[in-house]
Amino acid sequence: MRPPSVTAFVIASALSACSSTSHGGKTPIPANPNEVVIYDYKFVPKTLTVAVGTTVRWLNRDIAPHTATHRSFDVEPFDTGTLGHLAVFSHTFKTAGSYDYLCVLHQGMTGTVVVQ
């Protein structure tokens, strides 16, 4: 039986690197209390509570593109548009309320900003 080739080893290593995270499997922690990190197809934290007038920042740490979209006909709609890897979007909340948002690209990715 022939030993595995170097090429097979390199391919296997590259494929395993694609599936691993750059954070050693740990979810990144937001850099500040008004930040939401998008990682592993989740918004972290899932619920963020802030004061009126606070600017919230979304940072995509996933390789996949995502959005954070709150569609509303009355109070403060926002939409990040498609955020690529390491892209950032900020929104200043001027009105108290609960703002549920989602990623329009990935069903099931949801979050909430509670403004008091």
C-alpha atoms as a PDB file:
ATOM      1  CA  MET A   1       0.000   0.000   0.000  1.00  0.00           C
ATOM      2  CA  ARG A   2       1.260   3.433  -0.966  1.00  0.00           C
ATOM      3  CA  PRO A   3       1.510   6.205   1.690  1.00  0.00           C
ATOM      4  CA  PRO A   4      -0.762   9.241   1.225  1.00  0.00           C
ATOM      5  CA  SER A   5       0.664  11.832  -1.090  1.00  0.00           C
ATOM      6  CA  VAL A   6       1.724  15.284  -0.026  1.00  0.00           C
ATOM      7  CA  THR A   7      -0.964  16.716  -2.331  1.00  0.00           C
ATOM      8  CA  ALA A   8      -3.704  14.786  -0.533  1.00  0.00           C
ATOM      9  CA  PHE A   9      -2.390  16.037   2.807  1.00  0.00           C
ATOM     10  CA  VAL A  10      -2.340  19.664   1.615  1.00  0.00           C
ATOM     11  CA  ILE A  11      -5.883  19.404   0.247  1.00  0.00           C
ATOM     12  CA  ALA A  12      -7.179  17.843   3.467  1.00  0.00           C
ATOM     13  CA  SER A  13      -5.480  20.547   5.539  1.00  0.00           C
ATOM     14  CA  ALA A  14      -6.925  23.322   3.394  1.00  0.00           C
ATOM     15  CA  LEU A  15     -10.441  21.893   3.627  1.00  0.00           C
ATOM     16  CA  SER A  16     -10.268  21.572   7.402  1.00  0.00           C
ATOM     17  CA  ALA A  17      -9.036  25.169   7.665  1.00  0.00           C
ATOM     18  CA  CYS A  18     -12.058  26.365   5.681  1.00  0.00           C
ATOM     19  CA  SER A  19     -14.417  24.813   8.188  1.00  0.00           C
ATOM     20  CA  SER A  20     -12.654  26.091  11.283  1.00  0.00           C
ATOM     21  CA  THR A  21     -13.092  29.520  12.794  1.00  0.00           C
ATOM     22  CA  SER A  22     -10.460  32.184  13.151  1.00  0.00           C
ATOM     23  CA  HIS A  23     -11.388  32.503  16.836  1.00  0.00           C
ATOM     24  CA  GLY A  24     -10.490  28.991  17.932  1.00  0.00           C
ATOM     25  CA  GLY A  25     -14.167  28.029  18.042  1.00  0.00           C
ATOM     26  CA  LYS A  26     -15.023  30.810  20.490  1.00  0.00           C
ATOM     27  CA  THR A  27     -17.732  33.346  19.736  1.00  0.00           C
ATOM     28  CA  PRO A  28     -16.216  36.831  19.433  1.00  0.00           C
ATOM     29  CA  ILE A  29     -17.202  39.245  22.184  1.00  0.00           C
ATOM     30  CA  PRO A  30     -18.465  42.687  21.108  1.00  0.00           C
ATOM     31  CA  ALA A  31     -15.751  45.342  21.466  1.00  0.00           C
ATOM     32  CA  ASN A  32     -18.137  47.749  23.210  1.00  0.00           C
ATOM     33  CA  PRO A  33     -21.533  47.523  24.923  1.00  0.00           C
ATOM     34  CA  ASN A  34     -23.302  49.031  21.892  1.00  0.00           C
ATOM     35  CA  GLU A  35     -21.980  46.537  19.344  1.00  0.00           C
ATOM     36  CA  VAL A  36     -23.566  43.460  17.789  1.00  0.00           C
ATOM     37  CA  VAL A  37     -21.169  40.919  16.314  1.00  0.00           C
ATOM     38  CA  ILE A  38     -22.446  38.758  13.472  1.00  0.00           C
ATOM     39  CA  TYR A  39     -20.759  35.393  13.820  1.00  0.00           C
ATOM     40  CA  ASP A  40     -21.578  31.739  13.134  1.00  0.00           C
ATOM     41  CA  TYR A  41     -24.915  32.782  11.585  1.00  0.00           C
ATOM     42  CA  LYS A  42     -26.001  34.527  14.822  1.00  0.00           C
ATOM     43  CA  PHE A  43     -26.276  38.051  16.183  1.00  0.00           C
ATOM     44  CA  VAL A  44     -24.249  38.387  19.416  1.00  0.00           C
ATOM     45  CA  PRO A  45     -25.849  39.491  21.648  1.00  0.00           C
ATOM     46  CA  LYS A  46     -29.254  38.364  20.402  1.00  0.00           C
ATOM     47  CA  THR A  47     -30.922  41.143  22.434  1.00  0.00           C
ATOM     48  CA  LEU A  48     -29.203  44.465  23.091  1.00  0.00           C
ATOM     49  CA  THR A  49     -30.688  47.116  25.400  1.00  0.00           C
ATOM     50  CA  VAL A  50     -29.593  50.734  24.908  1.00  0.00           C
ATOM     51  CA  ALA A  51     -30.699  54.265  25.800  1.00  0.00           C
ATOM     52  CA  VAL A  52     -32.440  56.614  23.355  1.00  0.00           C
ATOM     53  CA  GLY A  53     -29.791  58.386  21.280  1.00  0.00           C
ATOM     54  CA  THR A  54     -27.361  55.455  21.302  1.00  0.00           C
ATOM     55  CA  THR A  55     -25.552  54.456  18.137  1.00  0.00           C
ATOM     56  CA  VAL A  56     -25.463  50.685  17.675  1.00  0.00           C
ATOM     57  CA  ARG A  57     -22.812  49.133  15.465  1.00  0.00           C
ATOM     58  CA  TRP A  58     -23.088  45.781  13.655  1.00  0.00           C
ATOM     59  CA  LEU A  59     -19.825  44.038  12.680  1.00  0.00           C
ATOM     60  CA  ASN A  60     -19.817  40.982  10.416  1.00  0.00           C
ATOM     61  CA  ARG A  61     -17.154  38.526  11.636  1.00  0.00           C
ATOM     62  CA  ASP A  62     -18.550  35.711   9.454  1.00  0.00           C
ATOM     63  CA  ILE A  63     -17.087  34.859   6.073  1.00  0.00           C
ATOM     64  CA  ALA A  64     -20.664  34.731   4.708  1.00  0.00           C
ATOM     65  CA  PRO A  65     -22.473  37.994   3.875  1.00  0.00           C
ATOM     66  CA  HIS A  66     -25.339  39.049   6.164  1.00  0.00           C
ATOM     67  CA  THR A  67     -27.847  41.846   6.734  1.00  0.00           C
ATOM     68  CA  ALA A  68     -29.442  43.337   9.825  1.00  0.00           C
ATOM     69  CA  THR A  69     -32.806  44.563   8.592  1.00  0.00           C
ATOM     70  CA  HIS A  70     -35.690  46.151  10.516  1.00  0.00           C
ATOM     71  CA  ARG A  71     -38.556  46.937   8.177  1.00  0.00           C
ATOM     72  CA  SER A  72     -41.135  49.330   9.526  1.00  0.00           C
ATOM     73  CA  PHE A  73     -43.607  51.733   8.016  1.00  0.00           C
ATOM     74  CA  ASP A  74     -43.702  53.901  11.107  1.00  0.00           C
ATOM     75  CA  VAL A  75     -40.698  53.862  13.448  1.00  0.00           C
ATOM     76  CA  GLU A  76     -37.030  53.929  12.454  1.00  0.00           C
ATOM     77  CA  PRO A  77     -36.544  51.338   9.734  1.00  0.00           C
ATOM     78  CA  PHE A  78     -32.938  50.351   9.169  1.00  0.00           C
ATOM     79  CA  ASP A  79     -31.150  48.035   6.783  1.00  0.00           C
ATOM     80  CA  THR A  80     -27.433  47.377   6.720  1.00  0.00           C
ATOM     81  CA  GLY A  81     -27.556  46.185   3.144  1.00  0.00           C
ATOM     82  CA  THR A  82     -25.323  43.216   2.452  1.00  0.00           C
ATOM     83  CA  LEU A  83     -22.394  43.250   4.854  1.00  0.00           C
ATOM     84  CA  GLY A  84     -19.335  41.340   3.726  1.00  0.00           C
ATOM     85  CA  HIS A  85     -16.659  39.944   6.025  1.00  0.00           C
ATOM     86  CA  LEU A  86     -15.525  42.603   8.563  1.00  0.00           C
ATOM     87  CA  ALA A  87     -17.977  45.199   7.194  1.00  0.00           C
ATOM     88  CA  VAL A  88     -19.604  47.570   9.688  1.00  0.00           C
ATOM     89  CA  PHE A  89     -22.949  49.381   9.840  1.00  0.00           C
ATOM     90  CA  SER A  90     -24.142  51.874  12.465  1.00  0.00           C
ATOM     91  CA  HIS A  91     -27.601  53.198  13.327  1.00  0.00           C
ATOM     92  CA  THR A  92     -28.541  55.812  15.945  1.00  0.00           C
ATOM     93  CA  PHE A  93     -31.819  55.017  17.721  1.00  0.00           C
ATOM     94  CA  LYS A  94     -33.902  58.149  18.336  1.00  0.00           C
ATOM     95  CA  THR A  95     -37.163  56.585  19.534  1.00  0.00           C
ATOM     96  CA  ALA A  96     -37.828  54.225  22.457  1.00  0.00           C
ATOM     97  CA  GLY A  97     -39.182  50.817  21.510  1.00  0.00           C
ATOM     98  CA  SER A  98     -38.310  47.268  20.603  1.00  0.00           C
ATOM     99  CA  TYR A  99     -36.697  46.780  17.203  1.00  0.00           C
ATOM    100  CA  ASP A 100     -36.741  43.210  15.926  1.00  0.00           C
ATOM    101  CA  TYR A 101     -34.439  42.634  12.982  1.00  0.00           C
ATOM    102  CA  LEU A 102     -33.312  39.748  10.794  1.00  0.00           C
ATOM    103  CA  CYS A 103     -30.843  38.688   8.167  1.00  0.00           C
ATOM    104  CA  VAL A 104     -32.768  38.616   4.904  1.00  0.00           C
ATOM    105  CA  LEU A 105     -30.175  36.236   3.456  1.00  0.00           C
ATOM    106  CA  HIS A 106     -30.409  33.593   6.188  1.00  0.00           C
ATOM    107  CA  GLN A 107     -33.776  32.547   7.534  1.00  0.00           C
ATOM    108  CA  GLY A 108     -33.753  32.169  11.296  1.00  0.00           C
ATOM    109  CA  MET A 109     -31.086  34.785  12.030  1.00  0.00           C
ATOM    110  CA  THR A 110     -32.878  37.287  14.251  1.00  0.00           C
ATOM    111  CA  GLY A 111     -32.039  39.849  16.894  1.00  0.00           C
ATOM    112  CA  THR A 112     -33.626  42.657  18.886  1.00  0.00           C
ATOM    113  CA  VAL A 113     -32.542  46.111  19.981  1.00  0.00           C
ATOM    114  CA  VAL A 114     -34.531  47.428  22.943  1.00  0.00           C
ATOM    115  CA  VAL A 115     -34.355  51.222  23.217  1.00  0.00           C
ATOM    116  CA  GLN A 116     -35.348  52.776  26.570  1.00  0.00           C
END
